[in-house]
mmCIF file of all heavy atoms, coordinates in Angstrom:
data_MODEL
# 
_entry.id   MODEL 
# 
loop_
_atom_site.group_PDB 
_atom_site.id 
_atom_site.type_symbol 
_atom_site.label_atom_id 
_atom_site.label_alt_id 
_atom_site.label_comp_id 
_atom_site.label_asym_id 
_atom_site.label_entity_id 
_atom_site.label_seq_id 
_atom_site.pdbx_PDB_ins_code 
_atom_site.Cartn_x 
_atom_site.Cartn_y 
_atom_site.Cartn_z 
_atom_site.occupancy 
_atom_site.B_iso_or_equiv 
_atom_site.pdbx_formal_charge 
_atom_site.auth_seq_id 
_atom_site.auth_comp_id 
_atom_site.auth_asym_id 
_atom_site.auth_atom_id 
_atom_site.pdbx_PDB_model_num 
ATOM 1   N N   . HIS A 1 1  ? 2.549  8.983   -19.582 1.00 0.00 ? 1  HIS A N   1 
ATOM 2   C CA  . HIS A 1 1  ? 2.310  10.074  -18.618 1.00 0.00 ? 1  HIS A CA  1 
ATOM 3   C C   . HIS A 1 1  ? 1.483  9.604   -17.409 1.00 0.00 ? 1  HIS A C   1 
ATOM 4   O O   . HIS A 1 1  ? 1.824  9.941   -16.304 1.00 0.00 ? 1  HIS A O   1 
ATOM 5   C CB  . HIS A 1 1  ? 1.616  11.256  -19.302 1.00 0.00 ? 1  HIS A CB  1 
ATOM 6   C CG  . HIS A 1 1  ? 2.525  12.029  -20.230 1.00 0.00 ? 1  HIS A CG  1 
ATOM 7   N ND1 . HIS A 1 1  ? 2.055  13.159  -20.931 1.00 0.00 ? 1  HIS A ND1 1 
ATOM 8   C CD2 . HIS A 1 1  ? 3.786  11.931  -20.512 1.00 0.00 ? 1  HIS A CD2 1 
ATOM 9   C CE1 . HIS A 1 1  ? 3.016  13.611  -21.663 1.00 0.00 ? 1  HIS A CE1 1 
ATOM 10  N NE2 . HIS A 1 1  ? 4.089  12.932  -21.427 1.00 0.00 ? 1  HIS A NE2 1 
ATOM 11  N N   . PHE A 1 2  ? 0.457  8.808   -17.702 1.00 0.00 ? 2  PHE A N   1 
ATOM 12  C CA  . PHE A 1 2  ? -0.378 8.410   -16.572 1.00 0.00 ? 2  PHE A CA  1 
ATOM 13  C C   . PHE A 1 2  ? 0.328  7.449   -15.613 1.00 0.00 ? 2  PHE A C   1 
ATOM 14  O O   . PHE A 1 2  ? 0.305  7.628   -14.431 1.00 0.00 ? 2  PHE A O   1 
ATOM 15  C CB  . PHE A 1 2  ? -1.609 7.726   -17.169 1.00 0.00 ? 2  PHE A CB  1 
ATOM 16  C CG  . PHE A 1 2  ? -2.614 7.188   -16.105 1.00 0.00 ? 2  PHE A CG  1 
ATOM 17  C CD1 . PHE A 1 2  ? -3.451 8.038   -15.412 1.00 0.00 ? 2  PHE A CD1 1 
ATOM 18  C CD2 . PHE A 1 2  ? -2.647 5.863   -15.814 1.00 0.00 ? 2  PHE A CD2 1 
ATOM 19  C CE1 . PHE A 1 2  ? -4.252 7.552   -14.462 1.00 0.00 ? 2  PHE A CE1 1 
ATOM 20  C CE2 . PHE A 1 2  ? -3.482 5.303   -14.907 1.00 0.00 ? 2  PHE A CE2 1 
ATOM 21  C CZ  . PHE A 1 2  ? -4.284 6.203   -14.181 1.00 0.00 ? 2  PHE A CZ  1 
ATOM 22  N N   . LEU A 1 3  ? 0.954  6.359   -16.159 1.00 0.00 ? 3  LEU A N   1 
ATOM 23  C CA  . LEU A 1 3  ? 1.522  5.354   -15.320 1.00 0.00 ? 3  LEU A CA  1 
ATOM 24  C C   . LEU A 1 3  ? 2.742  5.803   -14.618 1.00 0.00 ? 3  LEU A C   1 
ATOM 25  O O   . LEU A 1 3  ? 3.034  5.329   -13.513 1.00 0.00 ? 3  LEU A O   1 
ATOM 26  C CB  . LEU A 1 3  ? 1.908  4.092   -16.161 1.00 0.00 ? 3  LEU A CB  1 
ATOM 27  C CG  . LEU A 1 3  ? 0.621  3.357   -16.708 1.00 0.00 ? 3  LEU A CG  1 
ATOM 28  C CD1 . LEU A 1 3  ? 1.096  2.141   -17.491 1.00 0.00 ? 3  LEU A CD1 1 
ATOM 29  C CD2 . LEU A 1 3  ? -0.311 2.905   -15.602 1.00 0.00 ? 3  LEU A CD2 1 
ATOM 30  N N   . SER A 1 4  ? 3.470  6.792   -15.118 1.00 0.00 ? 4  SER A N   1 
ATOM 31  C CA  . SER A 1 4  ? 4.682  7.271   -14.419 1.00 0.00 ? 4  SER A CA  1 
ATOM 32  C C   . SER A 1 4  ? 4.290  8.003   -13.147 1.00 0.00 ? 4  SER A C   1 
ATOM 33  O O   . SER A 1 4  ? 5.106  8.159   -12.247 1.00 0.00 ? 4  SER A O   1 
ATOM 34  C CB  . SER A 1 4  ? 5.430  8.243   -15.344 1.00 0.00 ? 4  SER A CB  1 
ATOM 35  O OG  . SER A 1 4  ? 4.626  9.391   -15.728 1.00 0.00 ? 4  SER A OG  1 
ATOM 36  N N   . ILE A 1 5  ? 3.043  8.419   -13.029 1.00 0.00 ? 5  ILE A N   1 
ATOM 37  C CA  . ILE A 1 5  ? 2.507  9.025   -11.815 1.00 0.00 ? 5  ILE A CA  1 
ATOM 38  C C   . ILE A 1 5  ? 1.713  8.006   -10.997 1.00 0.00 ? 5  ILE A C   1 
ATOM 39  O O   . ILE A 1 5  ? 1.856  7.907   -9.719  1.00 0.00 ? 5  ILE A O   1 
ATOM 40  C CB  . ILE A 1 5  ? 1.567  10.196  -12.103 1.00 0.00 ? 5  ILE A CB  1 
ATOM 41  C CG1 . ILE A 1 5  ? 2.386  11.251  -12.919 1.00 0.00 ? 5  ILE A CG1 1 
ATOM 42  C CG2 . ILE A 1 5  ? 1.063  10.845  -10.843 1.00 0.00 ? 5  ILE A CG2 1 
ATOM 43  C CD1 . ILE A 1 5  ? 1.550  12.377  -13.461 1.00 0.00 ? 5  ILE A CD1 1 
ATOM 44  N N   . HIS A 1 6  ? 0.887  7.196   -11.712 1.00 0.00 ? 6  HIS A N   1 
ATOM 45  C CA  . HIS A 1 6  ? -0.028 6.288   -10.964 1.00 0.00 ? 6  HIS A CA  1 
ATOM 46  C C   . HIS A 1 6  ? 0.690  5.233   -10.187 1.00 0.00 ? 6  HIS A C   1 
ATOM 47  O O   . HIS A 1 6  ? 0.345  4.958   -9.040  1.00 0.00 ? 6  HIS A O   1 
ATOM 48  C CB  . HIS A 1 6  ? -0.983 5.616   -12.032 1.00 0.00 ? 6  HIS A CB  1 
ATOM 49  C CG  . HIS A 1 6  ? -1.714 4.521   -11.513 1.00 0.00 ? 6  HIS A CG  1 
ATOM 50  N ND1 . HIS A 1 6  ? -1.243 3.155   -11.595 1.00 0.00 ? 6  HIS A ND1 1 
ATOM 51  C CD2 . HIS A 1 6  ? -2.972 4.399   -10.829 1.00 0.00 ? 6  HIS A CD2 1 
ATOM 52  C CE1 . HIS A 1 6  ? -2.130 2.340   -11.052 1.00 0.00 ? 6  HIS A CE1 1 
ATOM 53  N NE2 . HIS A 1 6  ? -3.149 3.077   -10.585 1.00 0.00 ? 6  HIS A NE2 1 
ATOM 54  N N   . ASP A 1 7  ? 1.687  4.563   -10.782 1.00 0.00 ? 7  ASP A N   1 
ATOM 55  C CA  . ASP A 1 7  ? 2.331  3.406   -10.180 1.00 0.00 ? 7  ASP A CA  1 
ATOM 56  C C   . ASP A 1 7  ? 3.012  3.741   -8.824  1.00 0.00 ? 7  ASP A C   1 
ATOM 57  O O   . ASP A 1 7  ? 2.803  3.018   -7.859  1.00 0.00 ? 7  ASP A O   1 
ATOM 58  C CB  . ASP A 1 7  ? 3.304  2.755   -11.172 1.00 0.00 ? 7  ASP A CB  1 
ATOM 59  C CG  . ASP A 1 7  ? 2.575  1.942   -12.215 1.00 0.00 ? 7  ASP A CG  1 
ATOM 60  O OD1 . ASP A 1 7  ? 1.328  1.711   -12.033 1.00 0.00 ? 7  ASP A OD1 1 
ATOM 61  O OD2 . ASP A 1 7  ? 3.154  1.610   -13.230 1.00 0.00 ? 7  ASP A OD2 1 
ATOM 62  N N   . PRO A 1 8  ? 3.862  4.781   -8.764  1.00 0.00 ? 8  PRO A N   1 
ATOM 63  C CA  . PRO A 1 8  ? 4.488  5.049   -7.449  1.00 0.00 ? 8  PRO A CA  1 
ATOM 64  C C   . PRO A 1 8  ? 3.465  5.428   -6.349  1.00 0.00 ? 8  PRO A C   1 
ATOM 65  O O   . PRO A 1 8  ? 3.627  4.964   -5.214  1.00 0.00 ? 8  PRO A O   1 
ATOM 66  C CB  . PRO A 1 8  ? 5.390  6.212   -7.774  1.00 0.00 ? 8  PRO A CB  1 
ATOM 67  C CG  . PRO A 1 8  ? 5.688  6.152   -9.238  1.00 0.00 ? 8  PRO A CG  1 
ATOM 68  C CD  . PRO A 1 8  ? 4.390  5.657   -9.812  1.00 0.00 ? 8  PRO A CD  1 
ATOM 69  N N   . ILE A 1 9  ? 2.445  6.118   -6.719  1.00 0.00 ? 9  ILE A N   1 
ATOM 70  C CA  . ILE A 1 9  ? 1.445  6.522   -5.737  1.00 0.00 ? 9  ILE A CA  1 
ATOM 71  C C   . ILE A 1 9  ? 0.577  5.314   -5.332  1.00 0.00 ? 9  ILE A C   1 
ATOM 72  O O   . ILE A 1 9  ? 0.347  5.066   -4.150  1.00 0.00 ? 9  ILE A O   1 
ATOM 73  C CB  . ILE A 1 9  ? 0.556  7.659   -6.275  1.00 0.00 ? 9  ILE A CB  1 
ATOM 74  C CG1 . ILE A 1 9  ? 1.382  8.934   -6.507  1.00 0.00 ? 9  ILE A CG1 1 
ATOM 75  C CG2 . ILE A 1 9  ? -0.662 7.922   -5.308  1.00 0.00 ? 9  ILE A CG2 1 
ATOM 76  C CD1 . ILE A 1 9  ? 0.625  10.085  -7.100  1.00 0.00 ? 9  ILE A CD1 1 
ATOM 77  N N   . ALA A 1 10 ? 0.117  4.514   -6.326  1.00 0.00 ? 10 ALA A N   1 
ATOM 78  C CA  . ALA A 1 10 ? -0.704 3.388   -5.985  1.00 0.00 ? 10 ALA A CA  1 
ATOM 79  C C   . ALA A 1 10 ? 0.033  2.366   -5.163  1.00 0.00 ? 10 ALA A C   1 
ATOM 80  O O   . ALA A 1 10 ? -0.528 1.781   -4.184  1.00 0.00 ? 10 ALA A O   1 
ATOM 81  C CB  . ALA A 1 10 ? -1.205 2.730   -7.274  1.00 0.00 ? 10 ALA A CB  1 
ATOM 82  N N   . ASN A 1 11 ? 1.337  2.113   -5.435  1.00 0.00 ? 11 ASN A N   1 
ATOM 83  C CA  . ASN A 1 11 ? 2.087  1.133   -4.651  1.00 0.00 ? 11 ASN A CA  1 
ATOM 84  C C   . ASN A 1 11 ? 2.410  1.632   -3.285  1.00 0.00 ? 11 ASN A C   1 
ATOM 85  O O   . ASN A 1 11 ? 2.644  0.791   -2.351  1.00 0.00 ? 11 ASN A O   1 
ATOM 86  C CB  . ASN A 1 11 ? 3.369  0.775   -5.454  1.00 0.00 ? 11 ASN A CB  1 
ATOM 87  C CG  . ASN A 1 11 ? 3.105  -0.214  -6.502  1.00 0.00 ? 11 ASN A CG  1 
ATOM 88  O OD1 . ASN A 1 11 ? 3.162  -1.416  -6.335  1.00 0.00 ? 11 ASN A OD1 1 
ATOM 89  N ND2 . ASN A 1 11 ? 2.843  0.274   -7.721  1.00 0.00 ? 11 ASN A ND2 1 
ATOM 90  N N   . LEU A 1 12 ? 2.488  2.942   -3.116  1.00 0.00 ? 12 LEU A N   1 
ATOM 91  C CA  . LEU A 1 12 ? 2.738  3.414   -1.740  1.00 0.00 ? 12 LEU A CA  1 
ATOM 92  C C   . LEU A 1 12 ? 1.640  3.093   -0.782  1.00 0.00 ? 12 LEU A C   1 
ATOM 93  O O   . LEU A 1 12 ? 1.882  2.721   0.355   1.00 0.00 ? 12 LEU A O   1 
ATOM 94  C CB  . LEU A 1 12 ? 2.897  4.925   -1.791  1.00 0.00 ? 12 LEU A CB  1 
ATOM 95  C CG  . LEU A 1 12 ? 3.078  5.660   -0.468  1.00 0.00 ? 12 LEU A CG  1 
ATOM 96  C CD1 . LEU A 1 12 ? 4.358  5.278   0.227   1.00 0.00 ? 12 LEU A CD1 1 
ATOM 97  C CD2 . LEU A 1 12 ? 3.018  7.199   -0.592  1.00 0.00 ? 12 LEU A CD2 1 
ATOM 98  N N   . PHE A 1 13 ? 0.375  3.121   -1.275  1.00 0.00 ? 13 PHE A N   1 
ATOM 99  C CA  . PHE A 1 13 ? -0.766 2.842   -0.444  1.00 0.00 ? 13 PHE A CA  1 
ATOM 100 C C   . PHE A 1 13 ? -1.217 1.382   -0.473  1.00 0.00 ? 13 PHE A C   1 
ATOM 101 O O   . PHE A 1 13 ? -2.231 0.990   0.089   1.00 0.00 ? 13 PHE A O   1 
ATOM 102 C CB  . PHE A 1 13 ? -1.987 3.729   -0.873  1.00 0.00 ? 13 PHE A CB  1 
ATOM 103 C CG  . PHE A 1 13 ? -1.727 5.127   -0.475  1.00 0.00 ? 13 PHE A CG  1 
ATOM 104 C CD1 . PHE A 1 13 ? -1.233 6.043   -1.411  1.00 0.00 ? 13 PHE A CD1 1 
ATOM 105 C CD2 . PHE A 1 13 ? -2.067 5.644   0.731   1.00 0.00 ? 13 PHE A CD2 1 
ATOM 106 C CE1 . PHE A 1 13 ? -1.031 7.360   -1.074  1.00 0.00 ? 13 PHE A CE1 1 
ATOM 107 C CE2 . PHE A 1 13 ? -1.887 6.954   1.052   1.00 0.00 ? 13 PHE A CE2 1 
ATOM 108 C CZ  . PHE A 1 13 ? -1.379 7.842   0.198   1.00 0.00 ? 13 PHE A CZ  1 
ATOM 109 N N   . HIS A 1 14 ? -0.492 0.528   -1.259  1.00 0.00 ? 14 HIS A N   1 
ATOM 110 C CA  . HIS A 1 14 ? -0.885 -0.865  -1.323  1.00 0.00 ? 14 HIS A CA  1 
ATOM 111 C C   . HIS A 1 14 ? -0.236 -1.657  -0.191  1.00 0.00 ? 14 HIS A C   1 
ATOM 112 O O   . HIS A 1 14 ? 0.912  -1.896  -0.223  1.00 0.00 ? 14 HIS A O   1 
ATOM 113 C CB  . HIS A 1 14 ? -0.415 -1.461  -2.710  1.00 0.00 ? 14 HIS A CB  1 
ATOM 114 C CG  . HIS A 1 14 ? -0.783 -2.890  -2.823  1.00 0.00 ? 14 HIS A CG  1 
ATOM 115 N ND1 . HIS A 1 14 ? -2.074 -3.385  -2.958  1.00 0.00 ? 14 HIS A ND1 1 
ATOM 116 C CD2 . HIS A 1 14 ? 0.018  -4.015  -2.899  1.00 0.00 ? 14 HIS A CD2 1 
ATOM 117 C CE1 . HIS A 1 14 ? -2.042 -4.688  -3.086  1.00 0.00 ? 14 HIS A CE1 1 
ATOM 118 N NE2 . HIS A 1 14 ? -0.812 -5.119  -3.063  1.00 0.00 ? 14 HIS A NE2 1 
ATOM 119 N N   . LEU A 1 15 ? -1.054 -1.950  0.860   1.00 0.00 ? 15 LEU A N   1 
ATOM 120 C CA  . LEU A 1 15 ? -0.573 -2.702  1.994   1.00 0.00 ? 15 LEU A CA  1 
ATOM 121 C C   . LEU A 1 15 ? -1.287 -4.029  2.078   1.00 0.00 ? 15 LEU A C   1 
ATOM 122 O O   . LEU A 1 15 ? -2.498 -4.098  2.140   1.00 0.00 ? 15 LEU A O   1 
ATOM 123 C CB  . LEU A 1 15 ? -0.891 -1.924  3.259   1.00 0.00 ? 15 LEU A CB  1 
ATOM 124 C CG  . LEU A 1 15 ? -0.248 -0.501  3.347   1.00 0.00 ? 15 LEU A CG  1 
ATOM 125 C CD1 . LEU A 1 15 ? -0.716 0.207   4.565   1.00 0.00 ? 15 LEU A CD1 1 
ATOM 126 C CD2 . LEU A 1 15 ? 1.281  -0.623  3.377   1.00 0.00 ? 15 LEU A CD2 1 
ATOM 127 N N   . ARG A 1 16 ? -0.543 -5.059  2.050   1.00 0.00 ? 16 ARG A N   1 
ATOM 128 C CA  . ARG A 1 16 ? -1.092 -6.449  2.117   1.00 0.00 ? 16 ARG A CA  1 
ATOM 129 C C   . ARG A 1 16 ? -1.602 -6.734  3.556   1.00 0.00 ? 16 ARG A C   1 
ATOM 130 O O   . ARG A 1 16 ? -0.895 -6.446  4.485   1.00 0.00 ? 16 ARG A O   1 
ATOM 131 C CB  . ARG A 1 16 ? -0.060 -7.491  1.651   1.00 0.00 ? 16 ARG A CB  1 
ATOM 132 C CG  . ARG A 1 16 ? 0.378  -7.269  0.223   1.00 0.00 ? 16 ARG A CG  1 
ATOM 133 C CD  . ARG A 1 16 ? 1.339  -8.430  -0.193  1.00 0.00 ? 16 ARG A CD  1 
ATOM 134 N NE  . ARG A 1 16 ? 0.635  -9.718  -0.142  1.00 0.00 ? 16 ARG A NE  1 
ATOM 135 C CZ  . ARG A 1 16 ? 1.283  -10.816 -0.428  1.00 0.00 ? 16 ARG A CZ  1 
ATOM 136 N NH1 . ARG A 1 16 ? 2.496  -10.869 -0.799  1.00 0.00 ? 16 ARG A NH1 1 
ATOM 137 N NH2 . ARG A 1 16 ? 0.613  -11.952 -0.267  1.00 0.00 ? 16 ARG A NH2 1 
ATOM 138 N N   . ARG A 1 17 ? -2.774 -7.311  3.659   1.00 0.00 ? 17 ARG A N   1 
ATOM 139 C CA  . ARG A 1 17 ? -3.350 -7.520  4.946   1.00 0.00 ? 17 ARG A CA  1 
ATOM 140 C C   . ARG A 1 17 ? -3.213 -9.013  5.423   1.00 0.00 ? 17 ARG A C   1 
ATOM 141 O O   . ARG A 1 17 ? -3.588 -9.364  6.514   1.00 0.00 ? 17 ARG A O   1 
ATOM 142 C CB  . ARG A 1 17 ? -4.861 -7.135  4.943   1.00 0.00 ? 17 ARG A CB  1 
ATOM 143 C CG  . ARG A 1 17 ? -5.047 -5.706  4.585   1.00 0.00 ? 17 ARG A CG  1 
ATOM 144 C CD  . ARG A 1 17 ? -6.441 -5.206  4.888   1.00 0.00 ? 17 ARG A CD  1 
ATOM 145 N NE  . ARG A 1 17 ? -6.644 -5.182  6.322   1.00 0.00 ? 17 ARG A NE  1 
ATOM 146 C CZ  . ARG A 1 17 ? -7.695 -4.546  6.905   1.00 0.00 ? 17 ARG A CZ  1 
ATOM 147 N NH1 . ARG A 1 17 ? -8.550 -3.882  6.128   1.00 0.00 ? 17 ARG A NH1 1 
ATOM 148 N NH2 . ARG A 1 17 ? -7.856 -4.560  8.206   1.00 0.00 ? 17 ARG A NH2 1 
ATOM 149 N N   . ASP A 1 18 ? -2.719 -9.877  4.500   1.00 0.00 ? 18 ASP A N   1 
ATOM 150 C CA  . ASP A 1 18 ? -2.686 -11.328 4.892   1.00 0.00 ? 18 ASP A CA  1 
ATOM 151 C C   . ASP A 1 18 ? -1.534 -11.506 5.874   1.00 0.00 ? 18 ASP A C   1 
ATOM 152 O O   . ASP A 1 18 ? -0.419 -10.957 5.723   1.00 0.00 ? 18 ASP A O   1 
ATOM 153 C CB  . ASP A 1 18 ? -2.489 -12.176 3.653   1.00 0.00 ? 18 ASP A CB  1 
ATOM 154 C CG  . ASP A 1 18 ? -1.330 -11.703 2.781   1.00 0.00 ? 18 ASP A CG  1 
ATOM 155 O OD1 . ASP A 1 18 ? -1.003 -10.505 2.824   1.00 0.00 ? 18 ASP A OD1 1 
ATOM 156 O OD2 . ASP A 1 18 ? -0.767 -12.528 2.034   1.00 0.00 ? 18 ASP A OD2 1 
ATOM 157 N N   . HIS A 1 19 ? -1.785 -12.374 6.838   1.00 0.00 ? 19 HIS A N   1 
ATOM 158 C CA  . HIS A 1 19 ? -0.772 -12.687 7.881   1.00 0.00 ? 19 HIS A CA  1 
ATOM 159 C C   . HIS A 1 19 ? -0.262 -11.459 8.652   1.00 0.00 ? 19 HIS A C   1 
ATOM 160 O O   . HIS A 1 19 ? 0.851  -11.417 8.991   1.00 0.00 ? 19 HIS A O   1 
ATOM 161 C CB  . HIS A 1 19 ? 0.387  -13.467 7.256   1.00 0.00 ? 19 HIS A CB  1 
ATOM 162 C CG  . HIS A 1 19 ? -0.010 -14.685 6.451   1.00 0.00 ? 19 HIS A CG  1 
ATOM 163 N ND1 . HIS A 1 19 ? -0.618 -15.805 6.973   1.00 0.00 ? 19 HIS A ND1 1 
ATOM 164 C CD2 . HIS A 1 19 ? 0.056  -14.909 5.084   1.00 0.00 ? 19 HIS A CD2 1 
ATOM 165 C CE1 . HIS A 1 19 ? -0.840 -16.688 6.057   1.00 0.00 ? 19 HIS A CE1 1 
ATOM 166 N NE2 . HIS A 1 19 ? -0.481 -16.174 4.873   1.00 0.00 ? 19 HIS A NE2 1 
ATOM 167 N N   . ARG A 1 20 ? -1.148 -10.504 8.880   1.00 0.00 ? 20 ARG A N   1 
ATOM 168 C CA  . ARG A 1 20 ? -0.696 -9.294  9.522   1.00 0.00 ? 20 ARG A CA  1 
ATOM 169 C C   . ARG A 1 20 ? -1.813 -8.920  10.578  1.00 0.00 ? 20 ARG A C   1 
ATOM 170 O O   . ARG A 1 20 ? -2.964 -8.777  10.143  1.00 0.00 ? 20 ARG A O   1 
ATOM 171 C CB  . ARG A 1 20 ? -0.476 -8.156  8.563   1.00 0.00 ? 20 ARG A CB  1 
ATOM 172 C CG  . ARG A 1 20 ? -0.216 -6.837  9.227   1.00 0.00 ? 20 ARG A CG  1 
ATOM 173 C CD  . ARG A 1 20 ? -0.013 -5.722  8.217   1.00 0.00 ? 20 ARG A CD  1 
ATOM 174 N NE  . ARG A 1 20 ? 1.218  -5.922  7.402   1.00 0.00 ? 20 ARG A NE  1 
ATOM 175 C CZ  . ARG A 1 20 ? 1.686  -4.949  6.607   1.00 0.00 ? 20 ARG A CZ  1 
ATOM 176 N NH1 . ARG A 1 20 ? 1.032  -3.787  6.472   1.00 0.00 ? 20 ARG A NH1 1 
ATOM 177 N NH2 . ARG A 1 20 ? 2.751  -5.175  5.928   1.00 0.00 ? 20 ARG A NH2 1 
ATOM 178 N N   . PRO A 1 21 ? -1.418 -8.722  11.809  1.00 0.00 ? 21 PRO A N   1 
ATOM 179 C CA  . PRO A 1 21 ? -2.451 -8.295  12.818  1.00 0.00 ? 21 PRO A CA  1 
ATOM 180 C C   . PRO A 1 21 ? -3.019 -6.936  12.410  1.00 0.00 ? 21 PRO A C   1 
ATOM 181 O O   . PRO A 1 21 ? -2.349 -6.102  11.780  1.00 0.00 ? 21 PRO A O   1 
ATOM 182 C CB  . PRO A 1 21 ? -1.664 -8.242  14.126  1.00 0.00 ? 21 PRO A CB  1 
ATOM 183 C CG  . PRO A 1 21 ? -0.490 -9.160  13.918  1.00 0.00 ? 21 PRO A CG  1 
ATOM 184 C CD  . PRO A 1 21 ? -0.153 -9.000  12.439  1.00 0.00 ? 21 PRO A CD  1 
ATOM 185 N N   . VAL A 1 22 ? -4.218 -6.635  12.861  1.00 0.00 ? 22 VAL A N   1 
ATOM 186 C CA  . VAL A 1 22 ? -4.842 -5.411  12.524  1.00 0.00 ? 22 VAL A CA  1 
ATOM 187 C C   . VAL A 1 22 ? -4.103 -4.189  13.086  1.00 0.00 ? 22 VAL A C   1 
ATOM 188 O O   . VAL A 1 22 ? -3.999 -3.103  12.485  1.00 0.00 ? 22 VAL A O   1 
ATOM 189 C CB  . VAL A 1 22 ? -6.315 -5.365  12.987  1.00 0.00 ? 22 VAL A CB  1 
ATOM 190 C CG1 . VAL A 1 22 ? -6.373 -5.393  14.505  1.00 0.00 ? 22 VAL A CG1 1 
ATOM 191 C CG2 . VAL A 1 22 ? -7.034 -4.151  12.455  1.00 0.00 ? 22 VAL A CG2 1 
ATOM 192 N N   . ALA A 1 23 ? -3.461 -4.360  14.224  1.00 0.00 ? 23 ALA A N   1 
ATOM 193 C CA  . ALA A 1 23 ? -2.672 -3.248  14.830  1.00 0.00 ? 23 ALA A CA  1 
ATOM 194 C C   . ALA A 1 23 ? -1.521 -2.932  13.965  1.00 0.00 ? 23 ALA A C   1 
ATOM 195 O O   . ALA A 1 23 ? -1.187 -1.734  13.769  1.00 0.00 ? 23 ALA A O   1 
ATOM 196 C CB  . ALA A 1 23 ? -2.242 -3.653  16.308  1.00 0.00 ? 23 ALA A CB  1 
ATOM 197 N N   . ASP A 1 24 ? -0.833 -3.943  13.483  1.00 0.00 ? 24 ASP A N   1 
ATOM 198 C CA  . ASP A 1 24 ? 0.298  -3.721  12.583  1.00 0.00 ? 24 ASP A CA  1 
ATOM 199 C C   . ASP A 1 24 ? -0.135 -3.054  11.301  1.00 0.00 ? 24 ASP A C   1 
ATOM 200 O O   . ASP A 1 24 ? 0.594  -2.194  10.727  1.00 0.00 ? 24 ASP A O   1 
ATOM 201 C CB  . ASP A 1 24 ? 1.077  -5.027  12.324  1.00 0.00 ? 24 ASP A CB  1 
ATOM 202 C CG  . ASP A 1 24 ? 1.739  -5.550  13.510  1.00 0.00 ? 24 ASP A CG  1 
ATOM 203 O OD1 . ASP A 1 24 ? 1.843  -4.861  14.522  1.00 0.00 ? 24 ASP A OD1 1 
ATOM 204 O OD2 . ASP A 1 24 ? 2.113  -6.804  13.488  1.00 0.00 ? 24 ASP A OD2 1 
ATOM 205 N N   . TYR A 1 25 ? -1.252 -3.504  10.743  1.00 0.00 ? 25 TYR A N   1 
ATOM 206 C CA  . TYR A 1 25 ? -1.737 -2.951  9.527   1.00 0.00 ? 25 TYR A CA  1 
ATOM 207 C C   . TYR A 1 25 ? -2.065 -1.444  9.672   1.00 0.00 ? 25 TYR A C   1 
ATOM 208 O O   . TYR A 1 25 ? -1.740 -0.610  8.791   1.00 0.00 ? 25 TYR A O   1 
ATOM 209 C CB  . TYR A 1 25 ? -3.040 -3.641  9.075   1.00 0.00 ? 25 TYR A CB  1 
ATOM 210 C CG  . TYR A 1 25 ? -3.618 -3.046  7.847   1.00 0.00 ? 25 TYR A CG  1 
ATOM 211 C CD1 . TYR A 1 25 ? -3.159 -3.232  6.570   1.00 0.00 ? 25 TYR A CD1 1 
ATOM 212 C CD2 . TYR A 1 25 ? -4.757 -2.252  8.009   1.00 0.00 ? 25 TYR A CD2 1 
ATOM 213 C CE1 . TYR A 1 25 ? -3.710 -2.702  5.427   1.00 0.00 ? 25 TYR A CE1 1 
ATOM 214 C CE2 . TYR A 1 25 ? -5.353 -1.679  6.863   1.00 0.00 ? 25 TYR A CE2 1 
ATOM 215 C CZ  . TYR A 1 25 ? -4.844 -1.896  5.643   1.00 0.00 ? 25 TYR A CZ  1 
ATOM 216 O OH  . TYR A 1 25 ? -5.438 -1.313  4.517   1.00 0.00 ? 25 TYR A OH  1 
ATOM 217 N N   . ARG A 1 26 ? -2.684 -1.097  10.808  1.00 0.00 ? 26 ARG A N   1 
ATOM 218 C CA  . ARG A 1 26 ? -3.035 0.318   11.024  1.00 0.00 ? 26 ARG A CA  1 
ATOM 219 C C   . ARG A 1 26 ? -1.761 1.181   11.279  1.00 0.00 ? 26 ARG A C   1 
ATOM 220 O O   . ARG A 1 26 ? -1.720 2.321   10.860  1.00 0.00 ? 26 ARG A O   1 
ATOM 221 C CB  . ARG A 1 26 ? -4.003 0.442   12.285  1.00 0.00 ? 26 ARG A CB  1 
ATOM 222 C CG  . ARG A 1 26 ? -5.352 -0.113  11.922  1.00 0.00 ? 26 ARG A CG  1 
ATOM 223 C CD  . ARG A 1 26 ? -6.245 -0.169  13.135  1.00 0.00 ? 26 ARG A CD  1 
ATOM 224 N NE  . ARG A 1 26 ? -7.597 -0.675  12.839  1.00 0.00 ? 26 ARG A NE  1 
ATOM 225 C CZ  . ARG A 1 26 ? -8.484 -1.027  13.788  1.00 0.00 ? 26 ARG A CZ  1 
ATOM 226 N NH1 . ARG A 1 26 ? -8.195 -0.910  15.056  1.00 0.00 ? 26 ARG A NH1 1 
ATOM 227 N NH2 . ARG A 1 26 ? -9.624 -1.378  13.381  1.00 0.00 ? 26 ARG A NH2 1 
ATOM 228 N N   . THR A 1 27 ? -0.764 0.548   11.879  1.00 0.00 ? 27 THR A N   1 
ATOM 229 C CA  . THR A 1 27 ? 0.499  1.279   12.055  1.00 0.00 ? 27 THR A CA  1 
ATOM 230 C C   . THR A 1 27 ? 1.175  1.521   10.711  1.00 0.00 ? 27 THR A C   1 
ATOM 231 O O   . THR A 1 27 ? 1.646  2.644   10.440  1.00 0.00 ? 27 THR A O   1 
ATOM 232 C CB  . THR A 1 27 ? 1.451  0.514   12.965  1.00 0.00 ? 27 THR A CB  1 
ATOM 233 O OG1 . THR A 1 27 ? 0.884  0.281   14.228  1.00 0.00 ? 27 THR A OG1 1 
ATOM 234 C CG2 . THR A 1 27 ? 2.785  1.213   13.138  1.00 0.00 ? 27 THR A CG2 1 
ATOM 235 N N   . ALA A 1 28 ? 1.174  0.544   9.843   1.00 0.00 ? 28 ALA A N   1 
ATOM 236 C CA  . ALA A 1 28 ? 1.760  0.697   8.503   1.00 0.00 ? 28 ALA A CA  1 
ATOM 237 C C   . ALA A 1 28 ? 0.983  1.695   7.728   1.00 0.00 ? 28 ALA A C   1 
ATOM 238 O O   . ALA A 1 28 ? 1.501  2.471   6.949   1.00 0.00 ? 28 ALA A O   1 
ATOM 239 C CB  . ALA A 1 28 ? 1.755  -0.669  7.827   1.00 0.00 ? 28 ALA A CB  1 
# 
């Protein structure tokens, strides 16, 4: 029950910051 909700929501907000300008990160 928990992971069927947690994983899609957590991955939606997981944005990698490596090799990405801050402007692109904020846009994403």
